[in-house]
């Protein structure tokens, strides 16, 4: 695989959100909240009580097609970074990765970057879906996340 080919398999979008990093991270790290901001319109539901707290955690989601996915947390820094690799229950993840990085600008503003990386995707049947995951879809997730995060701020509360 060439570097050029790898670059086509890493899609990223970022934006500033007028909310503190900790409150934004809570929306991302709590799987039950994820369907509300999913710009791919792929997530249906997740059980309460699965808040990610550490590297190695696994949380489950149900997709809009009724499929269950186990999401294996492979990167984690509380309040700053989280990434997971989805898989069918009991199976090895096929190699795609969802990552969120939060960089505080100040107490009430955060730069959020959302990345979808499928450079290690081994399941050929998933490639069309991976190719359809564009920067626009990632931006849609960021925009929905911003509405939720900015709306959850109490007036005058920067964080």
C-alpha atoms as a PDB file:
ATOM      1  CA  UNK A   1       0.000   0.000   0.000  1.00  0.00           C
ATOM      2  CA  UNK A   2       1.344   3.427  -0.875  1.00  0.00           C
ATOM      3  CA  UNK A   3       1.212   6.496   1.348  1.00  0.00           C
ATOM      4  CA  UNK A   4      -1.217   8.056  -1.125  1.00  0.00           C
ATOM      5  CA  UNK A   5      -3.531   5.064  -0.794  1.00  0.00           C
ATOM      6  CA  UNK A   6      -3.293   5.217   3.009  1.00  0.00           C
ATOM      7  CA  UNK A   7      -4.217   8.916   2.963  1.00  0.00           C
ATOM      8  CA  UNK A   8      -7.441   8.028   1.137  1.00  0.00           C
ATOM      9  CA  UNK A   9      -8.260   5.627   3.950  1.00  0.00           C
ATOM     10  CA  UNK A  10      -7.986   8.197   6.734  1.00  0.00           C
ATOM     11  CA  UNK A  11     -10.833  10.705   6.816  1.00  0.00           C
ATOM     12  CA  UNK A  12     -10.875  13.520   9.328  1.00  0.00           C
ATOM     13  CA  UNK A  13     -12.896  16.614  10.210  1.00  0.00           C
ATOM     14  CA  UNK A  14     -12.541  19.154  12.966  1.00  0.00           C
ATOM     15  CA  UNK A  15     -14.269  22.189  14.405  1.00  0.00           C
ATOM     16  CA  UNK A  16     -14.404  24.395  17.428  1.00  0.00           C
ATOM     17  CA  UNK A  17     -17.241  23.745  19.858  1.00  0.00           C
ATOM     18  CA  UNK A  18     -18.329  26.361  22.394  1.00  0.00           C
ATOM     19  CA  UNK A  19     -18.190  24.021  25.378  1.00  0.00           C
ATOM     20  CA  UNK A  20     -15.583  22.666  27.751  1.00  0.00           C
ATOM     21  CA  UNK A  21     -13.673  19.528  26.812  1.00  0.00           C
ATOM     22  CA  UNK A  22     -14.984  17.564  29.801  1.00  0.00           C
ATOM     23  CA  UNK A  23     -18.651  18.090  28.919  1.00  0.00           C
ATOM     24  CA  UNK A  24     -18.027  17.211  25.254  1.00  0.00           C
ATOM     25  CA  UNK A  25     -16.078  14.103  26.250  1.00  0.00           C
ATOM     26  CA  UNK A  26     -19.008  12.908  28.373  1.00  0.00           C
ATOM     27  CA  UNK A  27     -21.216  12.886  25.261  1.00  0.00           C
ATOM     28  CA  UNK A  28     -18.644  10.831  23.347  1.00  0.00           C
ATOM     29  CA  UNK A  29     -17.572   8.426  26.114  1.00  0.00           C
ATOM     30  CA  UNK A  30     -21.163   7.494  27.030  1.00  0.00           C
ATOM     31  CA  UNK A  31     -22.379   5.093  24.303  1.00  0.00           C
ATOM     32  CA  UNK A  32     -26.026   5.700  25.252  1.00  0.00           C
ATOM     33  CA  UNK A  33     -25.557   9.319  24.040  1.00  0.00           C
ATOM     34  CA  UNK A  34     -23.893   8.444  20.731  1.00  0.00           C
ATOM     35  CA  UNK A  35     -27.009   7.842  18.569  1.00  0.00           C
ATOM     36  CA  UNK A  36     -28.040  11.470  19.193  1.00  0.00           C
ATOM     37  CA  UNK A  37     -24.936  12.841  17.463  1.00  0.00           C
ATOM     38  CA  UNK A  38     -24.063  10.113  14.934  1.00  0.00           C
ATOM     39  CA  UNK A  39     -23.735  11.855  11.556  1.00  0.00           C
ATOM     40  CA  UNK A  40     -23.599   8.513   9.741  1.00  0.00           C
ATOM     41  CA  UNK A  41     -27.118   7.720  10.983  1.00  0.00           C
ATOM     42  CA  UNK A  42     -25.836   4.226  11.701  1.00  0.00           C
ATOM     43  CA  UNK A  43     -26.401   3.938  15.457  1.00  0.00           C
ATOM     44  CA  UNK A  44     -29.754   2.992  16.922  1.00  0.00           C
ATOM     45  CA  UNK A  45     -29.127   2.468  20.626  1.00  0.00           C
ATOM     46  CA  UNK A  46     -26.772   1.456  23.404  1.00  0.00           C
ATOM     47  CA  UNK A  47     -27.562   0.327  26.909  1.00  0.00           C
ATOM     48  CA  UNK A  48     -27.101   2.779  29.771  1.00  0.00           C
ATOM     49  CA  UNK A  49     -24.176   2.284  32.138  1.00  0.00           C
ATOM     50  CA  UNK A  50     -21.412   1.615  29.604  1.00  0.00           C
ATOM     51  CA  UNK A  51     -19.493   4.879  30.055  1.00  0.00           C
ATOM     52  CA  UNK A  52     -15.941   4.277  28.810  1.00  0.00           C
ATOM     53  CA  UNK A  53     -13.353   4.787  31.546  1.00  0.00           C
ATOM     54  CA  UNK A  54     -10.182   3.038  30.355  1.00  0.00           C
ATOM     55  CA  UNK A  55      -8.145   1.572  27.554  1.00  0.00           C
ATOM     56  CA  UNK A  56      -9.404  -1.958  26.904  1.00  0.00           C
ATOM     57  CA  UNK A  57     -13.046  -1.252  27.760  1.00  0.00           C
ATOM     58  CA  UNK A  58     -15.622  -2.776  25.420  1.00  0.00           C
ATOM     59  CA  UNK A  59     -19.061  -1.275  24.837  1.00  0.00           C
ATOM     60  CA  UNK A  60     -21.902  -2.525  22.666  1.00  0.00           C
ATOM     61  CA  UNK A  61     -24.109  -0.640  20.241  1.00  0.00           C
ATOM     62  CA  UNK A  62     -27.026  -1.652  18.069  1.00  0.00           C
ATOM     63  CA  UNK A  63     -26.987  -0.281  14.520  1.00  0.00           C
ATOM     64  CA  UNK A  64     -29.990   1.048  12.641  1.00  0.00           C
ATOM     65  CA  UNK A  65     -29.990  -2.281  10.758  1.00  0.00           C
ATOM     66  CA  UNK A  66     -30.342  -4.195  14.051  1.00  0.00           C
ATOM     67  CA  UNK A  67     -26.756  -5.476  14.148  1.00  0.00           C
ATOM     68  CA  UNK A  68     -24.893  -5.499  17.448  1.00  0.00           C
ATOM     69  CA  UNK A  69     -21.319  -4.217  17.520  1.00  0.00           C
ATOM     70  CA  UNK A  70     -18.731  -4.614  20.254  1.00  0.00           C
ATOM     71  CA  UNK A  71     -16.485  -1.565  20.297  1.00  0.00           C
ATOM     72  CA  UNK A  72     -12.984  -2.195  21.638  1.00  0.00           C
ATOM     73  CA  UNK A  73     -11.371   0.921  23.134  1.00  0.00           C
ATOM     74  CA  UNK A  74      -7.793   1.095  21.833  1.00  0.00           C
ATOM     75  CA  UNK A  75      -6.861   4.683  22.790  1.00  0.00           C
ATOM     76  CA  UNK A  76      -7.993   6.532  25.885  1.00  0.00           C
ATOM     77  CA  UNK A  77      -7.040   9.676  27.748  1.00  0.00           C
ATOM     78  CA  UNK A  78      -9.859  10.921  29.972  1.00  0.00           C
ATOM     79  CA  UNK A  79     -11.322  14.166  28.645  1.00  0.00           C
ATOM     80  CA  UNK A  80      -8.953  14.347  25.664  1.00  0.00           C
ATOM     81  CA  UNK A  81      -8.834  11.262  23.436  1.00  0.00           C
ATOM     82  CA  UNK A  82     -10.842   8.129  22.750  1.00  0.00           C
ATOM     83  CA  UNK A  83     -10.742   5.631  19.898  1.00  0.00           C
ATOM     84  CA  UNK A  84     -12.382   2.283  19.315  1.00  0.00           C
ATOM     85  CA  UNK A  85     -12.442  -0.562  16.826  1.00  0.00           C
ATOM     86  CA  UNK A  86     -15.888  -2.060  16.175  1.00  0.00           C
ATOM     87  CA  UNK A  87     -16.415  -5.802  15.696  1.00  0.00           C
ATOM     88  CA  UNK A  88     -19.175  -8.332  15.498  1.00  0.00           C
ATOM     89  CA  UNK A  89     -19.776  -9.874  18.941  1.00  0.00           C
ATOM     90  CA  UNK A  90     -17.067 -12.361  19.857  1.00  0.00           C
ATOM     91  CA  UNK A  91     -15.004 -11.626  16.741  1.00  0.00           C
ATOM     92  CA  UNK A  92     -11.721  -9.851  16.143  1.00  0.00           C
ATOM     93  CA  UNK A  93     -12.154  -6.250  14.958  1.00  0.00           C
ATOM     94  CA  UNK A  94     -11.707  -6.132  11.157  1.00  0.00           C
ATOM     95  CA  UNK A  95      -9.398  -3.115  11.332  1.00  0.00           C
ATOM     96  CA  UNK A  96     -11.295   0.165  11.133  1.00  0.00           C
ATOM     97  CA  UNK A  97     -11.010   2.816  13.832  1.00  0.00           C
ATOM     98  CA  UNK A  98     -13.101   5.743  15.088  1.00  0.00           C
ATOM     99  CA  UNK A  99     -11.129   8.426  16.964  1.00  0.00           C
ATOM    100  CA  UNK A 100     -12.073  11.607  18.832  1.00  0.00           C
ATOM    101  CA  UNK A 101      -9.467  14.142  19.971  1.00  0.00           C
ATOM    102  CA  UNK A 102     -10.345  17.139  22.153  1.00  0.00           C
ATOM    103  CA  UNK A 103      -7.986  20.089  22.540  1.00  0.00           C
ATOM    104  CA  UNK A 104      -9.182  22.785  24.946  1.00  0.00           C
ATOM    105  CA  UNK A 105      -8.800  26.322  23.645  1.00  0.00           C
ATOM    106  CA  UNK A 106      -9.987  27.783  26.939  1.00  0.00           C
ATOM    107  CA  UNK A 107     -12.509  26.815  29.635  1.00  0.00           C
ATOM    108  CA  UNK A 108     -15.470  27.225  27.307  1.00  0.00           C
ATOM    109  CA  UNK A 109     -14.127  26.336  23.845  1.00  0.00           C
ATOM    110  CA  UNK A 110     -12.669  23.112  22.519  1.00  0.00           C
ATOM    111  CA  UNK A 111     -11.212  22.069  19.175  1.00  0.00           C
ATOM    112  CA  UNK A 112     -12.653  18.627  18.381  1.00  0.00           C
ATOM    113  CA  UNK A 113     -11.246  16.372  15.670  1.00  0.00           C
ATOM    114  CA  UNK A 114     -13.081  13.258  14.505  1.00  0.00           C
ATOM    115  CA  UNK A 115     -11.209  10.681  12.432  1.00  0.00           C
ATOM    116  CA  UNK A 116     -12.222   7.494  10.659  1.00  0.00           C
ATOM    117  CA  UNK A 117      -9.194   5.336   9.784  1.00  0.00           C
ATOM    118  CA  UNK A 118      -9.625   2.221   7.709  1.00  0.00           C
ATOM    119  CA  UNK A 119      -5.989   1.705   6.649  1.00  0.00           C
ATOM    120  CA  UNK A 120      -5.991  -1.690   8.416  1.00  0.00           C
ATOM    121  CA  UNK A 121      -9.451  -2.835   7.287  1.00  0.00           C
ATOM    122  CA  UNK A 122      -9.227  -6.497   6.269  1.00  0.00           C
ATOM    123  CA  UNK A 123     -12.907  -7.301   5.604  1.00  0.00           C
ATOM    124  CA  UNK A 124     -13.468  -6.668   1.884  1.00  0.00           C
ATOM    125  CA  UNK A 125     -17.268  -6.576   2.267  1.00  0.00           C
ATOM    126  CA  UNK A 126     -16.921  -3.520   4.548  1.00  0.00           C
ATOM    127  CA  UNK A 127     -14.902  -1.458   2.062  1.00  0.00           C
ATOM    128  CA  UNK A 128     -17.889   0.146   0.269  1.00  0.00           C
ATOM    129  CA  UNK A 129     -19.262   1.330   3.617  1.00  0.00           C
ATOM    130  CA  UNK A 130     -15.805   2.602   4.610  1.00  0.00           C
ATOM    131  CA  UNK A 131     -15.510   4.509   1.334  1.00  0.00           C
ATOM    132  CA  UNK A 132     -18.905   6.089   1.990  1.00  0.00           C
ATOM    133  CA  UNK A 133     -17.684   7.499   5.317  1.00  0.00           C
ATOM    134  CA  UNK A 134     -16.689  10.947   4.123  1.00  0.00           C
ATOM    135  CA  UNK A 135     -15.434  14.073   5.863  1.00  0.00           C
ATOM    136  CA  UNK A 136     -18.954  15.474   5.402  1.00  0.00           C
ATOM    137  CA  UNK A 137     -20.385  12.645   7.509  1.00  0.00           C
ATOM    138  CA  UNK A 138     -17.764  13.218  10.173  1.00  0.00           C
ATOM    139  CA  UNK A 139     -18.597  16.931  10.114  1.00  0.00           C
ATOM    140  CA  UNK A 140     -22.266  16.051  10.549  1.00  0.00           C
ATOM    141  CA  UNK A 141     -21.355  14.180  13.744  1.00  0.00           C
ATOM    142  CA  UNK A 142     -19.314  17.165  14.933  1.00  0.00           C
ATOM    143  CA  UNK A 143     -22.177  19.555  14.188  1.00  0.00           C
ATOM    144  CA  UNK A 144     -24.717  17.402  16.035  1.00  0.00           C
ATOM    145  CA  UNK A 145     -22.293  16.986  18.924  1.00  0.00           C
ATOM    146  CA  UNK A 146     -21.854  20.777  19.056  1.00  0.00           C
ATOM    147  CA  UNK A 147     -25.618  21.335  19.301  1.00  0.00           C
ATOM    148  CA  UNK A 148     -25.835  18.921  22.226  1.00  0.00           C
ATOM    149  CA  UNK A 149     -22.706  20.176  24.001  1.00  0.00           C
ATOM    150  CA  UNK A 150     -23.485  23.858  23.550  1.00  0.00           C
ATOM    151  CA  UNK A 151     -27.102  23.304  24.586  1.00  0.00           C
ATOM    152  CA  UNK A 152     -26.069  21.526  27.780  1.00  0.00           C
ATOM    153  CA  UNK A 153     -24.056  24.506  29.023  1.00  0.00           C
ATOM    154  CA  UNK A 154     -25.768  26.462  31.757  1.00  0.00           C
ATOM    155  CA  UNK A 155     -25.970  30.198  30.979  1.00  0.00           C
ATOM    156  CA  UNK A 156     -22.731  31.817  32.102  1.00  0.00           C
ATOM    157  CA  UNK A 157     -21.084  28.408  32.714  1.00  0.00           C
ATOM    158  CA  UNK A 158     -18.011  28.120  30.483  1.00  0.00           C
ATOM    159  CA  UNK A 159     -17.393  24.457  31.204  1.00  0.00           C
END
